[in-house]
Amino acid sequence: MTQTASLRAPGLAEIEALAHQAFAALPDAFRGRCDGLAIHVVDFPDDATLMEMDCETEFDLLGLFRGVGLAQSGEIATGQMPNAVWLYRRPILDYWAEHAETLGDLVTHVLVHEIGHHFGLSDDDMARIEAAADLD
C-alpha cells in the first residue's frame, strides 16, 4: 500500500475534538461569555442555511453562529434553541487542502470568528483572541 493510499480525511469526531480543544484554549474571559454555547460539526450546511446565506455552493460556508448575540440583547427566550456554532467539515477540509495553515489553526479561526459574531467583535478583536489561544 502506498503512503497516499493510507491517508484519509479527518472525520466529524476529529474535527469536533479540534473544536473543543480550540475552545478550551481560548482566554477565560472569552469562554465565560459563551455559557451554554453548543458546538456542532456536520459535513455541510443544510439547504435552508445555504439559501439564507446566499451561498453559491455547499463549500462556500465554513461555519455559522446561530442564536441571539450579546449585541442584540443576549437573552434567550423560552423555547428558543441555545446559542450554537456550526462548523462544516467538508468546506473546512477543502479550504485546508488549498492553504498552508494547520487544520487546528483553521478550526480555531472559524470557531473564534463565529463566536465573535455573538459578541459583536471586530476582525482585529478576533485576531487578538486567536493569537492568545496559541494552540501550536
N, C-alpha and C. Protein backbone atom coordinates (compact mmCIF):
# COMPACT_ATOMS: atom_id res chain seq x y z
N MET A 1 0.85 -1.17 0.00
CA MET A 1 0.00 0.00 0.00
C MET A 1 0.90 1.23 0.00
N THR A 2 0.58 2.18 -0.85
CA THR A 2 1.36 3.41 -0.89
C THR A 2 0.95 4.32 0.25
N GLN A 3 1.82 5.28 0.55
CA GLN A 3 1.53 6.20 1.65
C GLN A 3 0.25 6.99 1.38
N THR A 4 0.05 7.48 0.17
CA THR A 4 -1.15 8.28 -0.11
C THR A 4 -2.40 7.44 -0.03
N ALA A 5 -2.32 6.13 -0.30
CA ALA A 5 -3.49 5.27 -0.21
C ALA A 5 -3.95 5.13 1.24
N SER A 6 -3.04 5.28 2.21
CA SER A 6 -3.41 5.14 3.61
C SER A 6 -3.89 6.45 4.24
N LEU A 7 -3.80 7.54 3.53
CA LEU A 7 -4.26 8.83 4.06
C LEU A 7 -5.77 8.90 3.99
N ARG A 8 -6.37 9.54 4.99
CA ARG A 8 -7.81 9.75 4.97
C ARG A 8 -8.11 11.10 5.59
N ALA A 9 -9.21 11.67 5.20
CA ALA A 9 -9.61 12.96 5.73
C ALA A 9 -10.09 12.79 7.17
N PRO A 10 -9.80 13.77 8.04
CA PRO A 10 -10.31 13.71 9.41
C PRO A 10 -11.84 13.66 9.40
N GLY A 11 -12.39 12.81 10.26
CA GLY A 11 -13.84 12.65 10.35
C GLY A 11 -14.48 13.71 11.24
N LEU A 12 -15.79 13.59 11.38
CA LEU A 12 -16.56 14.53 12.20
C LEU A 12 -16.05 14.58 13.64
N ALA A 13 -15.78 13.41 14.22
CA ALA A 13 -15.32 13.36 15.61
C ALA A 13 -13.96 14.04 15.77
N GLU A 14 -13.10 13.89 14.80
CA GLU A 14 -11.78 14.52 14.88
C GLU A 14 -11.88 16.04 14.78
N ILE A 15 -12.73 16.54 13.90
CA ILE A 15 -12.93 17.99 13.79
C ILE A 15 -13.59 18.52 15.06
N GLU A 16 -14.55 17.76 15.60
CA GLU A 16 -15.19 18.18 16.85
C GLU A 16 -14.17 18.24 17.99
N ALA A 17 -13.27 17.26 18.05
CA ALA A 17 -12.23 17.27 19.09
C ALA A 17 -11.33 18.49 18.94
N LEU A 18 -10.96 18.82 17.71
CA LEU A 18 -10.15 20.03 17.47
C LEU A 18 -10.91 21.28 17.92
N ALA A 19 -12.21 21.33 17.65
CA ALA A 19 -13.01 22.50 18.03
C ALA A 19 -13.08 22.64 19.55
N HIS A 20 -13.28 21.53 20.25
CA HIS A 20 -13.34 21.59 21.72
C HIS A 20 -11.97 21.93 22.31
N GLN A 21 -10.91 21.43 21.70
CA GLN A 21 -9.56 21.79 22.13
C GLN A 21 -9.32 23.28 21.92
N ALA A 22 -9.74 23.79 20.77
CA ALA A 22 -9.58 25.22 20.48
C ALA A 22 -10.38 26.06 21.47
N PHE A 23 -11.61 25.65 21.75
CA PHE A 23 -12.45 26.39 22.68
C PHE A 23 -11.82 26.42 24.07
N ALA A 24 -11.31 25.28 24.51
CA ALA A 24 -10.68 25.19 25.85
C ALA A 24 -9.44 26.07 25.95
N ALA A 25 -8.76 26.32 24.84
CA ALA A 25 -7.53 27.12 24.85
C ALA A 25 -7.79 28.62 24.78
N LEU A 26 -9.04 29.01 24.56
CA LEU A 26 -9.36 30.44 24.48
C LEU A 26 -9.28 31.07 25.86
N PRO A 27 -9.03 32.37 25.92
CA PRO A 27 -8.96 33.06 27.23
C PRO A 27 -10.23 32.85 28.05
N ASP A 28 -10.07 32.75 29.37
CA ASP A 28 -11.21 32.53 30.27
C ASP A 28 -12.30 33.57 30.08
N ALA A 29 -11.92 34.83 29.90
CA ALA A 29 -12.92 35.89 29.75
C ALA A 29 -13.77 35.67 28.50
N PHE A 30 -13.18 35.14 27.47
CA PHE A 30 -13.89 34.86 26.22
C PHE A 30 -14.85 33.68 26.42
N ARG A 31 -14.33 32.59 26.99
CA ARG A 31 -15.16 31.39 27.21
C ARG A 31 -16.28 31.67 28.19
N GLY A 32 -16.01 32.49 29.19
CA GLY A 32 -17.00 32.79 30.21
C GLY A 32 -18.26 33.46 29.68
N ARG A 33 -18.13 34.13 28.56
CA ARG A 33 -19.30 34.80 27.96
C ARG A 33 -20.01 33.90 26.96
N CYS A 34 -19.61 32.64 26.91
CA CYS A 34 -20.20 31.67 25.98
C CYS A 34 -20.97 30.59 26.73
N ASP A 35 -21.47 30.91 27.91
CA ASP A 35 -22.18 29.94 28.73
C ASP A 35 -23.29 29.26 27.93
N GLY A 36 -23.27 27.95 27.89
CA GLY A 36 -24.32 27.19 27.21
C GLY A 36 -24.15 27.08 25.70
N LEU A 37 -23.08 27.62 25.16
CA LEU A 37 -22.86 27.56 23.72
C LEU A 37 -22.61 26.12 23.29
N ALA A 38 -23.36 25.68 22.29
CA ALA A 38 -23.16 24.34 21.73
C ALA A 38 -22.29 24.44 20.49
N ILE A 39 -21.39 23.47 20.33
CA ILE A 39 -20.56 23.41 19.14
C ILE A 39 -20.96 22.15 18.37
N HIS A 40 -21.39 22.35 17.13
CA HIS A 40 -21.82 21.24 16.28
C HIS A 40 -20.90 21.15 15.08
N VAL A 41 -20.57 19.93 14.69
CA VAL A 41 -19.79 19.70 13.47
C VAL A 41 -20.60 18.78 12.58
N VAL A 42 -20.86 19.23 11.37
CA VAL A 42 -21.56 18.44 10.36
C VAL A 42 -20.79 18.56 9.06
N ASP A 43 -21.09 17.69 8.12
CA ASP A 43 -20.34 17.74 6.86
C ASP A 43 -20.60 19.01 6.07
N PHE A 44 -21.87 19.39 5.90
CA PHE A 44 -22.22 20.56 5.09
C PHE A 44 -23.38 21.31 5.74
N PRO A 45 -23.53 22.60 5.41
CA PRO A 45 -24.73 23.33 5.83
C PRO A 45 -25.95 22.71 5.15
N ASP A 46 -27.11 22.80 5.80
CA ASP A 46 -28.32 22.30 5.17
C ASP A 46 -28.78 23.26 4.07
N ASP A 47 -29.72 22.82 3.27
CA ASP A 47 -30.18 23.61 2.13
C ASP A 47 -30.77 24.95 2.55
N ALA A 48 -31.52 24.97 3.66
CA ALA A 48 -32.12 26.22 4.13
C ALA A 48 -31.04 27.24 4.50
N THR A 49 -29.98 26.78 5.15
CA THR A 49 -28.87 27.66 5.52
C THR A 49 -28.17 28.18 4.28
N LEU A 50 -27.92 27.31 3.32
CA LEU A 50 -27.27 27.74 2.07
C LEU A 50 -28.08 28.82 1.38
N MET A 51 -29.40 28.65 1.35
CA MET A 51 -30.26 29.67 0.72
C MET A 51 -30.25 30.96 1.54
N GLU A 52 -30.39 30.84 2.85
CA GLU A 52 -30.41 32.01 3.73
C GLU A 52 -29.13 32.83 3.62
N MET A 53 -27.99 32.14 3.52
CA MET A 53 -26.70 32.82 3.48
C MET A 53 -26.28 33.16 2.05
N ASP A 54 -27.15 32.87 1.09
CA ASP A 54 -26.92 33.19 -0.32
C ASP A 54 -25.62 32.57 -0.84
N CYS A 55 -25.41 31.30 -0.51
CA CYS A 55 -24.22 30.59 -0.95
C CYS A 55 -24.41 30.04 -2.36
N GLU A 56 -23.36 30.10 -3.14
CA GLU A 56 -23.42 29.53 -4.49
C GLU A 56 -23.24 28.02 -4.46
N THR A 57 -22.38 27.52 -3.54
CA THR A 57 -22.17 26.08 -3.42
C THR A 57 -22.16 25.71 -1.95
N GLU A 58 -22.21 24.42 -1.69
CA GLU A 58 -22.18 23.95 -0.30
C GLU A 58 -20.81 24.09 0.34
N PHE A 59 -19.81 24.49 -0.45
CA PHE A 59 -18.45 24.70 0.06
C PHE A 59 -18.17 26.16 0.44
N ASP A 60 -19.15 27.05 0.27
CA ASP A 60 -18.94 28.48 0.50
C ASP A 60 -18.91 28.88 1.97
N LEU A 61 -19.43 28.05 2.85
CA LEU A 61 -19.59 28.43 4.25
C LEU A 61 -18.79 27.46 5.12
N LEU A 62 -17.84 28.00 5.91
CA LEU A 62 -17.02 27.17 6.79
C LEU A 62 -17.65 26.99 8.16
N GLY A 63 -18.41 27.98 8.61
CA GLY A 63 -19.03 27.92 9.92
C GLY A 63 -20.13 28.94 10.02
N LEU A 64 -20.94 28.83 11.08
CA LEU A 64 -22.06 29.75 11.27
C LEU A 64 -22.43 29.80 12.75
N PHE A 65 -22.71 31.01 13.24
CA PHE A 65 -23.26 31.18 14.58
C PHE A 65 -24.77 31.29 14.45
N ARG A 66 -25.48 30.53 15.26
CA ARG A 66 -26.94 30.62 15.33
C ARG A 66 -27.33 30.93 16.77
N GLY A 67 -28.16 31.93 16.94
CA GLY A 67 -28.64 32.26 18.27
C GLY A 67 -28.84 33.75 18.41
N VAL A 68 -28.93 34.17 19.66
CA VAL A 68 -29.11 35.58 19.99
C VAL A 68 -27.77 36.12 20.46
N GLY A 69 -27.20 37.01 19.68
CA GLY A 69 -25.92 37.58 20.04
C GLY A 69 -26.03 38.55 21.20
N LEU A 70 -24.93 38.71 21.92
CA LEU A 70 -24.91 39.65 23.04
C LEU A 70 -25.21 41.07 22.57
N ALA A 71 -24.82 41.39 21.34
CA ALA A 71 -25.09 42.72 20.81
C ALA A 71 -26.58 42.95 20.59
N GLN A 72 -27.37 41.87 20.41
CA GLN A 72 -28.80 42.01 20.20
C GLN A 72 -29.59 42.03 21.50
N SER A 73 -29.06 41.51 22.55
CA SER A 73 -29.64 41.52 23.89
C SER A 73 -29.06 40.41 24.73
N GLY A 74 -28.67 39.31 24.07
CA GLY A 74 -28.03 38.22 24.77
C GLY A 74 -28.96 37.32 25.56
N GLU A 75 -30.23 37.67 25.67
CA GLU A 75 -31.14 36.86 26.47
C GLU A 75 -31.83 35.83 25.60
N ILE A 76 -31.89 34.61 26.12
CA ILE A 76 -32.56 33.53 25.40
C ILE A 76 -34.00 33.47 25.87
N ALA A 77 -34.92 33.50 24.90
CA ALA A 77 -36.34 33.45 25.20
C ALA A 77 -36.77 32.00 25.44
N THR A 78 -37.87 31.82 26.15
CA THR A 78 -38.41 30.50 26.39
C THR A 78 -38.68 29.81 25.06
N GLY A 79 -38.24 28.56 24.95
CA GLY A 79 -38.46 27.80 23.74
C GLY A 79 -37.44 28.02 22.64
N GLN A 80 -36.57 28.99 22.83
CA GLN A 80 -35.54 29.28 21.82
C GLN A 80 -34.42 28.26 21.93
N MET A 81 -33.88 27.86 20.80
CA MET A 81 -32.74 26.95 20.79
C MET A 81 -31.53 27.67 21.41
N PRO A 82 -30.65 26.93 22.07
CA PRO A 82 -29.46 27.57 22.66
C PRO A 82 -28.52 28.10 21.57
N ASN A 83 -27.72 29.07 21.94
CA ASN A 83 -26.71 29.58 21.02
C ASN A 83 -25.80 28.45 20.59
N ALA A 84 -25.46 28.44 19.30
CA ALA A 84 -24.64 27.35 18.77
C ALA A 84 -23.75 27.85 17.65
N VAL A 85 -22.60 27.21 17.56
CA VAL A 85 -21.69 27.40 16.43
C VAL A 85 -21.73 26.11 15.63
N TRP A 86 -21.89 26.26 14.33
CA TRP A 86 -21.87 25.13 13.41
C TRP A 86 -20.57 25.22 12.62
N LEU A 87 -19.81 24.13 12.63
CA LEU A 87 -18.61 24.03 11.81
C LEU A 87 -18.90 23.00 10.72
N TYR A 88 -18.54 23.34 9.49
CA TYR A 88 -18.84 22.49 8.35
C TYR A 88 -17.57 21.80 7.88
N ARG A 89 -17.48 20.51 8.19
CA ARG A 89 -16.26 19.72 8.00
C ARG A 89 -15.75 19.73 6.56
N ARG A 90 -16.58 19.41 5.60
CA ARG A 90 -16.10 19.28 4.23
C ARG A 90 -15.59 20.62 3.67
N PRO A 91 -16.31 21.73 3.84
CA PRO A 91 -15.75 23.01 3.38
C PRO A 91 -14.46 23.39 4.12
N ILE A 92 -14.38 23.08 5.42
CA ILE A 92 -13.15 23.36 6.17
C ILE A 92 -12.00 22.54 5.59
N LEU A 93 -12.23 21.26 5.33
CA LEU A 93 -11.17 20.42 4.77
C LEU A 93 -10.77 20.87 3.37
N ASP A 94 -11.73 21.31 2.58
CA ASP A 94 -11.44 21.81 1.24
C ASP A 94 -10.55 23.05 1.32
N TYR A 95 -10.89 23.98 2.21
CA TYR A 95 -10.09 25.18 2.41
C TYR A 95 -8.69 24.81 2.90
N TRP A 96 -8.62 23.91 3.88
CA TRP A 96 -7.36 23.46 4.46
C TRP A 96 -6.43 22.88 3.40
N ALA A 97 -6.99 22.10 2.49
CA ALA A 97 -6.19 21.45 1.44
C ALA A 97 -5.53 22.47 0.50
N GLU A 98 -6.10 23.66 0.42
CA GLU A 98 -5.60 24.68 -0.51
C GLU A 98 -4.76 25.77 0.16
N HIS A 99 -4.57 25.68 1.48
CA HIS A 99 -3.85 26.73 2.21
C HIS A 99 -2.79 26.13 3.12
N ALA A 100 -1.92 26.96 3.62
CA ALA A 100 -0.77 26.49 4.41
C ALA A 100 -1.05 26.34 5.90
N GLU A 101 -2.15 26.88 6.41
CA GLU A 101 -2.36 26.80 7.85
C GLU A 101 -2.70 25.38 8.29
N THR A 102 -2.39 25.08 9.55
CA THR A 102 -2.71 23.76 10.08
C THR A 102 -4.22 23.63 10.25
N LEU A 103 -4.68 22.39 10.30
CA LEU A 103 -6.12 22.17 10.49
C LEU A 103 -6.58 22.72 11.83
N GLY A 104 -5.77 22.55 12.88
CA GLY A 104 -6.12 23.09 14.19
C GLY A 104 -6.25 24.61 14.17
N ASP A 105 -5.32 25.27 13.47
CA ASP A 105 -5.40 26.73 13.36
C ASP A 105 -6.64 27.17 12.60
N LEU A 106 -6.98 26.44 11.55
CA LEU A 106 -8.15 26.78 10.75
C LEU A 106 -9.44 26.58 11.56
N VAL A 107 -9.55 25.49 12.27
CA VAL A 107 -10.73 25.25 13.11
C VAL A 107 -10.83 26.34 14.17
N THR A 108 -9.70 26.70 14.79
CA THR A 108 -9.70 27.78 15.77
C THR A 108 -10.18 29.08 15.15
N HIS A 109 -9.67 29.40 13.97
CA HIS A 109 -10.05 30.64 13.29
C HIS A 109 -11.56 30.68 13.03
N VAL A 110 -12.11 29.60 12.50
CA VAL A 110 -13.54 29.57 12.19
C VAL A 110 -14.35 29.66 13.47
N LEU A 111 -13.95 28.92 14.50
CA LEU A 111 -14.67 28.95 15.77
C LEU A 111 -14.67 30.34 16.38
N VAL A 112 -13.50 30.97 16.46
CA VAL A 112 -13.40 32.32 17.04
C VAL A 112 -14.20 33.32 16.22
N HIS A 113 -14.13 33.20 14.91
CA HIS A 113 -14.87 34.13 14.05
C HIS A 113 -16.37 34.00 14.30
N GLU A 114 -16.87 32.79 14.39
CA GLU A 114 -18.32 32.60 14.59
C GLU A 114 -18.76 33.03 15.99
N ILE A 115 -17.97 32.72 17.00
CA ILE A 115 -18.31 33.19 18.35
C ILE A 115 -18.21 34.72 18.39
N GLY A 116 -17.27 35.27 17.65
CA GLY A 116 -17.13 36.73 17.58
C GLY A 116 -18.39 37.42 17.11
N HIS A 117 -19.15 36.77 16.25
CA HIS A 117 -20.42 37.35 15.82
C HIS A 117 -21.39 37.46 17.00
N HIS A 118 -21.33 36.51 17.90
CA HIS A 118 -22.14 36.55 19.12
C HIS A 118 -21.80 37.78 19.96
N PHE A 119 -20.51 38.14 19.99
CA PHE A 119 -20.05 39.26 20.80
C PHE A 119 -20.12 40.60 20.10
N GLY A 120 -20.27 40.60 18.78
CA GLY A 120 -20.20 41.86 18.04
C GLY A 120 -18.76 42.35 17.91
N LEU A 121 -17.79 41.42 17.88
CA LEU A 121 -16.37 41.78 17.82
C LEU A 121 -15.94 42.18 16.42
N SER A 122 -14.92 43.02 16.38
CA SER A 122 -14.29 43.39 15.11
C SER A 122 -13.33 42.29 14.68
N ASP A 123 -12.88 42.33 13.43
CA ASP A 123 -11.89 41.37 12.95
C ASP A 123 -10.59 41.48 13.74
N ASP A 124 -10.18 42.70 14.14
CA ASP A 124 -8.97 42.88 14.95
C ASP A 124 -9.10 42.22 16.31
N ASP A 125 -10.28 42.37 16.94
CA ASP A 125 -10.53 41.71 18.22
C ASP A 125 -10.38 40.20 18.07
N MET A 126 -10.96 39.66 17.01
CA MET A 126 -10.90 38.21 16.79
C MET A 126 -9.46 37.75 16.57
N ALA A 127 -8.67 38.52 15.86
CA ALA A 127 -7.27 38.15 15.60
C ALA A 127 -6.49 38.11 16.92
N ARG A 128 -6.74 39.05 17.84
CA ARG A 128 -6.06 39.05 19.13
C ARG A 128 -6.44 37.82 19.96
N ILE A 129 -7.70 37.42 19.92
CA ILE A 129 -8.16 36.25 20.67
C ILE A 129 -7.50 34.98 20.11
N GLU A 130 -7.46 34.87 18.79
CA GLU A 130 -6.80 33.71 18.18
C GLU A 130 -5.33 33.64 18.57
N ALA A 131 -4.65 34.79 18.58
CA ALA A 131 -3.24 34.82 18.94
C ALA A 131 -3.06 34.39 20.40
N ALA A 132 -3.99 34.77 21.27
CA ALA A 132 -3.91 34.41 22.69
C ALA A 132 -4.13 32.90 22.88
N ALA A 133 -4.89 32.27 21.99
CA ALA A 133 -5.15 30.82 22.12
C ALA A 133 -3.88 30.03 21.86
N ASP A 134 -3.08 30.45 20.89
CA ASP A 134 -1.76 29.87 20.59
C ASP A 134 -1.73 28.36 20.79
N LEU A 135 -2.39 27.63 19.89
CA LEU A 135 -2.51 26.19 20.03
C LEU A 135 -1.30 25.40 19.53
N ASP A 136 -0.34 26.06 18.94
CA ASP A 136 0.82 25.32 18.40
C ASP A 136 1.78 24.88 19.47
